[in-house]
Amino acid sequence: MEKVAALKAKYAPYTDPDHPFLQVAEYYRDGAIIERDQPIPVWGHANKGVKVTVMLGDVTQSAVANDRQQWSVSFPALKASTKPDRKSTRLNSSHRT
């Protein structure tokens, strides 16, 4: 019983809806360089059934985390340039707090 309780506690942050989690792939941290002229995939993990909304510049995409707690969205390709283009990025989820 103790081992089962310990395992349940260990994985509770990932399976218990009262312990929300939202994670974005490390590639998209501050200052990330995105390959131009290619669609931009953004993915991560969240509690099953949670709606995740990602905004990149003026484009907003949403997805719902699947049974494996994965979500992904894709943004249109950005024009290639020799100058940096700092796009505003936002990430929200529908998890109950």
PDB file of N, CA and C in Angstrom:
ATOM      1  N   MET A   1       0.820  -1.187   0.000  1.00  0.00           N
ATOM      2  CA  MET A   1       0.000   0.000   0.000  1.00  0.00           C
ATOM      3  C   MET A   1       0.872   1.263   0.000  1.00  0.00           C
ATOM      4  N   GLU A   2       1.974   1.223   0.752  1.00  0.00           N
ATOM      5  CA  GLU A   2       2.839   2.392   0.823  1.00  0.00           C
ATOM      6  C   GLU A   2       3.490   2.681  -0.525  1.00  0.00           C
ATOM      7  N   LYS A   3       3.917   1.624  -1.222  1.00  0.00           N
ATOM      8  CA  LYS A   3       4.539   1.810  -2.538  1.00  0.00           C
ATOM      9  C   LYS A   3       3.548   2.391  -3.532  1.00  0.00           C
ATOM     10  N   VAL A   4       2.322   1.903  -3.511  1.00  0.00           N
ATOM     11  CA  VAL A   4       1.287   2.420  -4.417  1.00  0.00           C
ATOM     12  C   VAL A   4       1.015   3.887  -4.106  1.00  0.00           C
ATOM     13  N   ALA A   5       0.900   4.224  -2.833  1.00  0.00           N
ATOM     14  CA  ALA A   5       0.660   5.617  -2.431  1.00  0.00           C
ATOM     15  C   ALA A   5       1.816   6.517  -2.858  1.00  0.00           C
ATOM     16  N   ALA A   6       3.048   6.030  -2.726  1.00  0.00           N
ATOM     17  CA  ALA A   6       4.219   6.820  -3.126  1.00  0.00           C
ATOM     18  C   ALA A   6       4.230   7.058  -4.634  1.00  0.00           C
ATOM     19  N   LEU A   7       3.922   6.023  -5.419  1.00  0.00           N
ATOM     20  CA  LEU A   7       3.867   6.182  -6.872  1.00  0.00           C
ATOM     21  C   LEU A   7       2.755   7.139  -7.278  1.00  0.00           C
ATOM     22  N   LYS A   8       1.603   7.006  -6.641  1.00  0.00           N
ATOM     23  CA  LYS A   8       0.480   7.895  -6.951  1.00  0.00           C
ATOM     24  C   LYS A   8       0.854   9.341  -6.655  1.00  0.00           C
ATOM     25  N   ALA A   9       1.508   9.598  -5.544  1.00  0.00           N
ATOM     26  CA  ALA A   9       1.935  10.949  -5.189  1.00  0.00           C
ATOM     27  C   ALA A   9       2.981  11.473  -6.170  1.00  0.00           C
ATOM     28  N   LYS A  10       3.886  10.587  -6.602  1.00  0.00           N
ATOM     29  CA  LYS A  10       4.949  10.985  -7.533  1.00  0.00           C
ATOM     30  C   LYS A  10       4.371  11.479  -8.852  1.00  0.00           C
ATOM     31  N   TYR A  11       3.332  10.789  -9.360  1.00  0.00           N
ATOM     32  CA  TYR A  11       2.771  11.124 -10.658  1.00  0.00           C
ATOM     33  C   TYR A  11       1.544  12.029 -10.583  1.00  0.00           C
ATOM     34  N   ALA A  12       1.116  12.399  -9.389  1.00  0.00           N
ATOM     35  CA  ALA A  12      -0.072  13.251  -9.220  1.00  0.00           C
ATOM     36  C   ALA A  12       0.019  14.559 -10.002  1.00  0.00           C
ATOM     37  N   PRO A  13       1.178  15.225 -10.045  1.00  0.00           N
ATOM     38  CA  PRO A  13       1.222  16.480 -10.804  1.00  0.00           C
ATOM     39  C   PRO A  13       0.903  16.296 -12.290  1.00  0.00           C
ATOM     40  N   TYR A  14       1.034  15.089 -12.809  1.00  0.00           N
ATOM     41  CA  TYR A  14       0.804  14.851 -14.228  1.00  0.00           C
ATOM     42  C   TYR A  14      -0.566  14.253 -14.522  1.00  0.00           C
ATOM     43  N   THR A  15      -1.198  13.636 -13.549  1.00  0.00           N
ATOM     44  CA  THR A  15      -2.465  12.945 -13.805  1.00  0.00           C
ATOM     45  C   THR A  15      -3.631  13.497 -13.001  1.00  0.00           C
ATOM     46  N   ASP A  16      -3.388  14.216 -11.952  1.00  0.00           N
ATOM     47  CA  ASP A  16      -4.450  14.734 -11.097  1.00  0.00           C
ATOM     48  C   ASP A  16      -4.873  16.109 -11.597  1.00  0.00           C
ATOM     49  N   PRO A  17      -6.153  16.277 -11.972  1.00  0.00           N
ATOM     50  CA  PRO A  17      -6.596  17.579 -12.488  1.00  0.00           C
ATOM     51  C   PRO A  17      -6.487  18.701 -11.460  1.00  0.00           C
ATOM     52  N   ASP A  18      -6.331  18.364 -10.176  1.00  0.00           N
ATOM     53  CA  ASP A  18      -6.154  19.396  -9.166  1.00  0.00           C
ATOM     54  C   ASP A  18      -4.705  19.883  -9.091  1.00  0.00           C
ATOM     55  N   HIS A  19      -3.821  19.256  -9.857  1.00  0.00           N
ATOM     56  CA  HIS A  19      -2.418  19.666  -9.956  1.00  0.00           C
ATOM     57  C   HIS A  19      -2.152  20.050 -11.408  1.00  0.00           C
ATOM     58  N   PRO A  20      -2.458  21.285 -11.798  1.00  0.00           N
ATOM     59  CA  PRO A  20      -2.294  21.667 -13.203  1.00  0.00           C
ATOM     60  C   PRO A  20      -0.835  21.732 -13.626  1.00  0.00           C
ATOM     61  N   PHE A  21      -0.593  21.389 -14.887  1.00  0.00           N
ATOM     62  CA  PHE A  21       0.731  21.625 -15.442  1.00  0.00           C
ATOM     63  C   PHE A  21       0.577  22.011 -16.904  1.00  0.00           C
ATOM     64  N   LEU A  22       1.449  22.870 -17.356  1.00  0.00           N
ATOM     65  CA  LEU A  22       1.470  23.350 -18.730  1.00  0.00           C
ATOM     66  C   LEU A  22       2.930  23.525 -19.093  1.00  0.00           C
ATOM     67  N   GLN A  23       3.349  22.860 -20.145  1.00  0.00           N
ATOM     68  CA  GLN A  23       4.756  22.872 -20.528  1.00  0.00           C
ATOM     69  C   GLN A  23       4.865  23.104 -22.021  1.00  0.00           C
ATOM     70  N   VAL A  24       5.825  23.928 -22.413  1.00  0.00           N
ATOM     71  CA  VAL A  24       6.116  24.201 -23.819  1.00  0.00           C
ATOM     72  C   VAL A  24       7.500  23.650 -24.113  1.00  0.00           C
ATOM     73  N   ALA A  25       7.678  23.118 -25.318  1.00  0.00           N
ATOM     74  CA  ALA A  25       8.992  22.597 -25.704  1.00  0.00           C
ATOM     75  C   ALA A  25      10.070  23.656 -25.460  1.00  0.00           C
ATOM     76  N   GLU A  26      11.224  23.231 -24.984  1.00  0.00           N
ATOM     77  CA  GLU A  26      12.317  24.144 -24.629  1.00  0.00           C
ATOM     78  C   GLU A  26      12.766  25.038 -25.786  1.00  0.00           C
ATOM     79  N   TYR A  27      12.520  24.620 -26.990  1.00  0.00           N
ATOM     80  CA  TYR A  27      12.969  25.385 -28.154  1.00  0.00           C
ATOM     81  C   TYR A  27      12.376  26.788 -28.183  1.00  0.00           C
ATOM     82  N   TYR A  28      11.265  26.997 -27.484  1.00  0.00           N
ATOM     83  CA  TYR A  28      10.531  28.252 -27.600  1.00  0.00           C
ATOM     84  C   TYR A  28      10.714  29.162 -26.399  1.00  0.00           C
ATOM     85  N   ARG A  29      11.843  29.089 -25.751  1.00  0.00           N
ATOM     86  CA  ARG A  29      12.112  29.980 -24.622  1.00  0.00           C
ATOM     87  C   ARG A  29      12.459  31.374 -25.165  1.00  0.00           C
ATOM     88  N   ASP A  30      12.610  32.343 -24.259  1.00  0.00           N
ATOM     89  CA  ASP A  30      12.933  33.711 -24.662  1.00  0.00           C
ATOM     90  C   ASP A  30      14.179  33.740 -25.549  1.00  0.00           C
ATOM     91  N   GLY A  31      14.103  34.511 -26.611  1.00  0.00           N
ATOM     92  CA  GLY A  31      15.240  34.684 -27.503  1.00  0.00           C
ATOM     93  C   GLY A  31      15.434  33.568 -28.508  1.00  0.00           C
ATOM     94  N   ALA A  32      14.439  32.683 -28.650  1.00  0.00           N
ATOM     95  CA  ALA A  32      14.565  31.566 -29.597  1.00  0.00           C
ATOM     96  C   ALA A  32      14.656  32.093 -31.030  1.00  0.00           C
ATOM     97  N   ILE A  33      15.424  31.397 -31.838  1.00  0.00           N
ATOM     98  CA  ILE A  33      15.527  31.729 -33.256  1.00  0.00           C
ATOM     99  C   ILE A  33      14.689  30.715 -34.018  1.00  0.00           C
ATOM    100  N   ILE A  34      13.736  31.227 -34.791  1.00  0.00           N
ATOM    101  CA  ILE A  34      12.815  30.368 -35.530  1.00  0.00           C
ATOM    102  C   ILE A  34      13.232  30.342 -36.992  1.00  0.00           C
ATOM    103  N   GLU A  35      13.304  29.146 -37.569  1.00  0.00           N
ATOM    104  CA  GLU A  35      13.685  29.013 -38.974  1.00  0.00           C
ATOM    105  C   GLU A  35      12.635  29.688 -39.854  1.00  0.00           C
ATOM    106  N   ARG A  36      13.079  30.530 -40.740  1.00  0.00           N
ATOM    107  CA  ARG A  36      12.168  31.280 -41.607  1.00  0.00           C
ATOM    108  C   ARG A  36      11.774  30.449 -42.821  1.00  0.00           C
ATOM    109  N   ASP A  37      10.700  30.865 -43.475  1.00  0.00           N
ATOM    110  CA  ASP A  37      10.162  30.234 -44.681  1.00  0.00           C
ATOM    111  C   ASP A  37       9.713  28.796 -44.450  1.00  0.00           C
ATOM    112  N   GLN A  38       9.466  28.418 -43.209  1.00  0.00           N
ATOM    113  CA  GLN A  38       8.947  27.093 -42.860  1.00  0.00           C
ATOM    114  C   GLN A  38       7.803  27.283 -41.873  1.00  0.00           C
ATOM    115  N   PRO A  39       6.765  26.423 -41.926  1.00  0.00           N
ATOM    116  CA  PRO A  39       5.732  26.505 -40.891  1.00  0.00           C
ATOM    117  C   PRO A  39       6.379  26.358 -39.509  1.00  0.00           C
ATOM    118  N   ILE A  40       5.782  26.990 -38.506  1.00  0.00           N
ATOM    119  CA  ILE A  40       6.358  27.009 -37.166  1.00  0.00           C
ATOM    120  C   ILE A  40       5.525  26.125 -36.246  1.00  0.00           C
ATOM    121  N   PRO A  41       6.010  24.908 -35.942  1.00  0.00           N
ATOM    122  CA  PRO A  41       5.275  24.048 -35.008  1.00  0.00           C
ATOM    123  C   PRO A  41       5.622  24.424 -33.571  1.00  0.00           C
ATOM    124  N   VAL A  42       4.613  24.458 -32.719  1.00  0.00           N
ATOM    125  CA  VAL A  42       4.815  24.693 -31.289  1.00  0.00           C
ATOM    126  C   VAL A  42       4.076  23.577 -30.575  1.00  0.00           C
ATOM    127  N   TRP A  43       4.730  22.939 -29.614  1.00  0.00           N
ATOM    128  CA  TRP A  43       4.096  21.815 -28.930  1.00  0.00           C
ATOM    129  C   TRP A  43       4.513  21.794 -27.467  1.00  0.00           C
ATOM    130  N   GLY A  44       3.809  20.942 -26.727  1.00  0.00           N
ATOM    131  CA  GLY A  44       4.131  20.800 -25.313  1.00  0.00           C
ATOM    132  C   GLY A  44       3.205  19.810 -24.644  1.00  0.00           C
ATOM    133  N   HIS A  45       3.067  19.939 -23.342  1.00  0.00           N
ATOM    134  CA  HIS A  45       2.258  19.019 -22.540  1.00  0.00           C
ATOM    135  C   HIS A  45       1.355  19.817 -21.612  1.00  0.00           C
ATOM    136  N   ALA A  46       0.189  19.265 -21.319  1.00  0.00           N
ATOM    137  CA  ALA A  46      -0.759  19.846 -20.360  1.00  0.00           C
ATOM    138  C   ALA A  46      -1.672  18.725 -19.891  1.00  0.00           C
ATOM    139  N   ASN A  47      -2.438  18.979 -18.843  1.00  0.00           N
ATOM    140  CA  ASN A  47      -3.383  17.978 -18.377  1.00  0.00           C
ATOM    141  C   ASN A  47      -4.343  17.606 -19.505  1.00  0.00           C
ATOM    142  N   LYS A  48      -4.722  16.340 -19.577  1.00  0.00           N
ATOM    143  CA  LYS A  48      -5.661  15.833 -20.592  1.00  0.00           C
ATOM    144  C   LYS A  48      -6.921  16.696 -20.611  1.00  0.00           C
ATOM    145  N   GLY A  49      -7.329  17.100 -21.815  1.00  0.00           N
ATOM    146  CA  GLY A  49      -8.559  17.863 -21.998  1.00  0.00           C
ATOM    147  C   GLY A  49      -8.432  19.363 -21.816  1.00  0.00           C
ATOM    148  N   VAL A  50      -7.259  19.834 -21.414  1.00  0.00           N
ATOM    149  CA  VAL A  50      -7.060  21.268 -21.211  1.00  0.00           C
ATOM    150  C   VAL A  50      -6.856  21.946 -22.565  1.00  0.00           C
ATOM    151  N   LYS A  51      -7.563  23.062 -22.775  1.00  0.00           N
ATOM    152  CA  LYS A  51      -7.400  23.837 -24.012  1.00  0.00           C
ATOM    153  C   LYS A  51      -6.206  24.767 -23.832  1.00  0.00           C
ATOM    154  N   VAL A  52      -5.297  24.726 -24.791  1.00  0.00           N
ATOM    155  CA  VAL A  52      -4.101  25.566 -24.783  1.00  0.00           C
ATOM    156  C   VAL A  52      -4.196  26.534 -25.951  1.00  0.00           C
ATOM    157  N   THR A  53      -3.955  27.802 -25.694  1.00  0.00           N
ATOM    158  CA  THR A  53      -3.984  28.822 -26.731  1.00  0.00           C
ATOM    159  C   THR A  53      -2.616  29.485 -26.798  1.00  0.00           C
ATOM    160  N   VAL A  54      -2.058  29.542 -28.011  1.00  0.00           N
ATOM    161  CA  VAL A  54      -0.746  30.149 -28.225  1.00  0.00           C
ATOM    162  C   VAL A  54      -0.916  31.281 -29.223  1.00  0.00           C
ATOM    163  N   MET A  55      -0.332  32.430 -28.906  1.00  0.00           N
ATOM    164  CA  MET A  55      -0.380  33.567 -29.808  1.00  0.00           C
ATOM    165  C   MET A  55       1.042  33.925 -30.211  1.00  0.00           C
ATOM    166  N   LEU A  56       1.287  34.025 -31.506  1.00  0.00           N
ATOM    167  CA  LEU A  56       2.583  34.436 -32.035  1.00  0.00           C
ATOM    168  C   LEU A  56       2.325  35.633 -32.934  1.00  0.00           C
ATOM    169  N   GLY A  57       2.762  36.808 -32.506  1.00  0.00           N
ATOM    170  CA  GLY A  57       2.439  38.022 -33.247  1.00  0.00           C
ATOM    171  C   GLY A  57       0.940  38.229 -33.245  1.00  0.00           C
ATOM    172  N   ASP A  58       0.339  38.339 -34.439  1.00  0.00           N
ATOM    173  CA  ASP A  58      -1.102  38.556 -34.561  1.00  0.00           C
ATOM    174  C   ASP A  58      -1.874  37.271 -34.797  1.00  0.00           C
ATOM    175  N   VAL A  59      -1.219  36.127 -34.816  1.00  0.00           N
ATOM    176  CA  VAL A  59      -1.874  34.855 -35.116  1.00  0.00           C
ATOM    177  C   VAL A  59      -2.091  34.078 -33.817  1.00  0.00           C
ATOM    178  N   THR A  60      -3.303  33.551 -33.648  1.00  0.00           N
ATOM    179  CA  THR A  60      -3.644  32.756 -32.465  1.00  0.00           C
ATOM    180  C   THR A  60      -4.067  31.361 -32.903  1.00  0.00           C
ATOM    181  N   GLN A  61      -3.532  30.349 -32.244  1.00  0.00           N
ATOM    182  CA  GLN A  61      -3.878  28.949 -32.514  1.00  0.00           C
ATOM    183  C   GLN A  61      -4.239  28.280 -31.194  1.00  0.00           C
ATOM    184  N   SER A  62      -5.191  27.324 -31.238  1.00  0.00           N
ATOM    185  CA  SER A  62      -5.594  26.593 -30.035  1.00  0.00           C
ATOM    186  C   SER A  62      -5.570  25.097 -30.294  1.00  0.00           C
ATOM    187  N   ALA A  63      -5.373  24.342 -29.219  1.00  0.00           N
ATOM    188  CA  ALA A  63      -5.403  22.876 -29.273  1.00  0.00           C
ATOM    189  C   ALA A  63      -5.868  22.379 -27.908  1.00  0.00           C
ATOM    190  N   VAL A  64      -6.310  21.123 -27.871  1.00  0.00           N
ATOM    191  CA  VAL A  64      -6.709  20.487 -26.619  1.00  0.00           C
ATOM    192  C   VAL A  64      -5.746  19.331 -26.362  1.00  0.00           C
ATOM    193  N   ALA A  65      -5.237  19.251 -25.135  1.00  0.00           N
ATOM    194  CA  ALA A  65      -4.300  18.178 -24.777  1.00  0.00           C
ATOM    195  C   ALA A  65      -4.993  16.819 -24.907  1.00  0.00           C
ATOM    196  N   ASN A  66      -4.319  15.882 -25.544  1.00  0.00           N
ATOM    197  CA  ASN A  66      -4.899  14.561 -25.810  1.00  0.00           C
ATOM    198  C   ASN A  66      -4.712  13.603 -24.627  1.00  0.00           C
ATOM    199  N   ASP A  67      -5.038  12.325 -24.858  1.00  0.00           N
ATOM    200  CA  ASP A  67      -4.930  11.308 -23.805  1.00  0.00           C
ATOM    201  C   ASP A  67      -3.504  11.135 -23.288  1.00  0.00           C
ATOM    202  N   ARG A  68      -2.534  11.492 -24.098  1.00  0.00           N
ATOM    203  CA  ARG A  68      -1.127  11.386 -23.688  1.00  0.00           C
ATOM    204  C   ARG A  68      -0.610  12.716 -23.146  1.00  0.00           C
ATOM    205  N   GLN A  69      -1.525  13.635 -22.895  1.00  0.00           N
ATOM    206  CA  GLN A  69      -1.218  14.960 -22.353  1.00  0.00           C
ATOM    207  C   GLN A  69      -0.307  15.767 -23.276  1.00  0.00           C
ATOM    208  N   GLN A  70      -0.501  15.600 -24.588  1.00  0.00           N
ATOM    209  CA  GLN A  70       0.285  16.322 -25.579  1.00  0.00           C
ATOM    210  C   GLN A  70      -0.622  17.289 -26.330  1.00  0.00           C
ATOM    211  N   TRP A  71      -0.067  18.402 -26.758  1.00  0.00           N
ATOM    212  CA  TRP A  71      -0.788  19.341 -27.606  1.00  0.00           C
ATOM    213  C   TRP A  71       0.198  19.921 -28.612  1.00  0.00           C
ATOM    214  N   SER A  72      -0.327  20.388 -29.748  1.00  0.00           N
ATOM    215  CA  SER A  72       0.530  21.036 -30.739  1.00  0.00           C
ATOM    216  C   SER A  72      -0.300  21.958 -31.610  1.00  0.00           C
ATOM    217  N   VAL A  73       0.333  23.010 -32.065  1.00  0.00           N
ATOM    218  CA  VAL A  73      -0.263  23.956 -33.006  1.00  0.00           C
ATOM    219  C   VAL A  73       0.799  24.290 -34.047  1.00  0.00           C
ATOM    220  N   SER A  74       0.370  24.886 -35.147  1.00  0.00           N
ATOM    221  CA  SER A  74       1.315  25.261 -36.191  1.00  0.00           C
ATOM    222  C   SER A  74       0.978  26.668 -36.677  1.00  0.00           C
ATOM    223  N   PHE A  75       2.007  27.457 -36.870  1.00  0.00           N
ATOM    224  CA  PHE A  75       1.838  28.826 -37.349  1.00  0.00           C
ATOM    225  C   PHE A  75       2.383  28.937 -38.770  1.00  0.00           C
ATOM    226  N   PRO A  76       1.830  29.863 -39.558  1.00  0.00           N
ATOM    227  CA  PRO A  76       2.335  30.045 -40.922  1.00  0.00           C
ATOM    228  C   PRO A  76       3.801  30.494 -40.917  1.00  0.00           C
ATOM    229  N   ALA A  77       4.481  30.186 -41.991  1.00  0.00           N
ATOM    230  CA  ALA A  77       5.892  30.563 -42.133  1.00  0.00           C
ATOM    231  C   ALA A  77       6.038  32.079 -42.081  1.00  0.00           C
ATOM    232  N   LEU A  78       7.155  32.530 -41.513  1.00  0.00           N
ATOM    233  CA  LEU A  78       7.490  33.948 -41.492  1.00  0.00           C
ATOM    234  C   LEU A  78       8.447  34.240 -42.641  1.00  0.00           C
ATOM    235  N   LYS A  79       8.405  35.446 -43.139  1.00  0.00           N
ATOM    236  CA  LYS A  79       9.280  35.846 -44.238  1.00  0.00           C
ATOM    237  C   LYS A  79      10.741  35.870 -43.773  1.00  0.00           C
ATOM    238  N   ALA A  80      11.643  35.334 -44.584  1.00  0.00           N
ATOM    239  CA  ALA A  80      13.068  35.345 -44.260  1.00  0.00           C
ATOM    240  C   ALA A  80      13.594  36.781 -44.292  1.00  0.00           C
ATOM    241  N   SER A  81      14.518  37.067 -43.380  1.00  0.00           N
ATOM    242  CA  SER A  81      15.071  38.412 -43.293  1.00  0.00           C
ATOM    243  C   SER A  81      16.443  38.350 -42.655  1.00  0.00           C
ATOM    244  N   THR A  82      17.270  39.362 -42.935  1.00  0.00           N
ATOM    245  CA  THR A  82      18.577  39.448 -42.289  1.00  0.00           C
ATOM    246  C   THR A  82      18.497  40.236 -40.986  1.00  0.00           C
ATOM    247  N   LYS A  83      17.314  40.832 -40.708  1.00  0.00           N
ATOM    248  CA  LYS A  83      17.120  41.610 -39.486  1.00  0.00           C
ATOM    249  C   LYS A  83      16.238  40.837 -38.506  1.00  0.00           C
ATOM    250  N   PRO A  84      16.504  40.948 -37.218  1.00  0.00           N
ATOM    251  CA  PRO A  84      15.665  40.274 -36.226  1.00  0.00           C
ATOM    252  C   PRO A  84      14.236  40.825 -36.240  1.00  0.00           C
ATOM    253  N   ASP A  85      13.288  39.959 -36.003  1.00  0.00           N
ATOM    254  CA  ASP A  85      11.881  40.338 -35.931  1.00  0.00           C
ATOM    255  C   ASP A  85      11.348  39.783 -34.613  1.00  0.00           C
ATOM    256  N   ARG A  86      11.189  40.616 -33.644  1.00  0.00           N
ATOM    257  CA  ARG A  86      10.764  40.166 -32.319  1.00  0.00           C
ATOM    258  C   ARG A  86       9.242  40.122 -32.264  1.00  0.00           C
ATOM    259  N   LYS A  87       8.717  38.902 -32.313  1.00  0.00           N
ATOM    260  CA  LYS A  87       7.268  38.691 -32.243  1.00  0.00           C
ATOM    261  C   LYS A  87       6.856  38.487 -30.794  1.00  0.00           C
ATOM    262  N   SER A  88       5.729  39.045 -30.449  1.00  0.00           N
ATOM    263  CA  SER A  88       5.168  38.837 -29.119  1.00  0.00           C
ATOM    264  C   SER A  88       4.557  37.446 -29.057  1.00  0.00           C
ATOM    265  N   THR A  89       4.823  36.732 -27.979  1.00  0.00           N
ATOM    266  CA  THR A  89       4.300  35.372 -27.821  1.00  0.00           C
ATOM    267  C   THR A  89       3.552  35.281 -26.494  1.00  0.00           C
ATOM    268  N   ARG A  90       2.405  34.605 -26.526  1.00  0.00           N
ATOM    269  CA  ARG A  90       1.612  34.378 -25.323  1.00  0.00           C
ATOM    270  C   ARG A  90       1.151  32.944 -25.276  1.00  0.00           C
ATOM    271  N   LEU A  91       1.006  32.412 -24.079  1.00  0.00           N
ATOM    272  CA  LEU A  91       0.545  31.043 -23.871  1.00  0.00           C
ATOM    273  C   LEU A  91      -0.470  31.041 -22.742  1.00  0.00           C
ATOM    274  N   ASN A  92      -1.661  30.492 -23.000  1.00  0.00           N
ATOM    275  CA  ASN A  92      -2.704  30.400 -21.974  1.00  0.00           C
ATOM    276  C   ASN A  92      -3.297  29.001 -21.988  1.00  0.00           C
ATOM    277  N   SER A  93      -3.920  28.613 -20.864  1.00  0.00           N
ATOM    278  CA  SER A  93      -4.622  27.344 -20.814  1.00  0.00           C
ATOM    279  C   SER A  93      -5.965  27.522 -20.129  1.00  0.00           C
ATOM    280  N   SER A  94      -6.847  26.554 -20.363  1.00  0.00           N
ATOM    281  CA  SER A  94      -8.186  26.617 -19.801  1.00  0.00           C
ATOM    282  C   SER A  94      -8.295  25.900 -18.466  1.00  0.00           C
ATOM    283  N   HIS A  95      -7.170  25.538 -17.878  1.00  0.00           N
ATOM    284  CA  HIS A  95      -7.202  24.750 -16.641  1.00  0.00           C
ATOM    285  C   HIS A  95      -7.905  25.535 -15.546  1.00  0.00           C
ATOM    286  N   ARG A  96      -8.716  24.817 -14.778  1.00  0.00           N
ATOM    287  CA  ARG A  96      -9.406  25.421 -13.637  1.00  0.00           C
ATOM    288  C   ARG A  96      -8.383  25.739 -12.555  1.00  0.00           C
ATOM    289  N   THR A  97      -8.521  26.873 -11.919  1.00  0.00           N
ATOM    290  CA  THR A  97      -7.601  27.228 -10.823  1.00  0.00           C
ATOM    291  C   THR A  97      -8.373  27.350  -9.533  1.00  0.00           C
TER     292      THR A  97
END
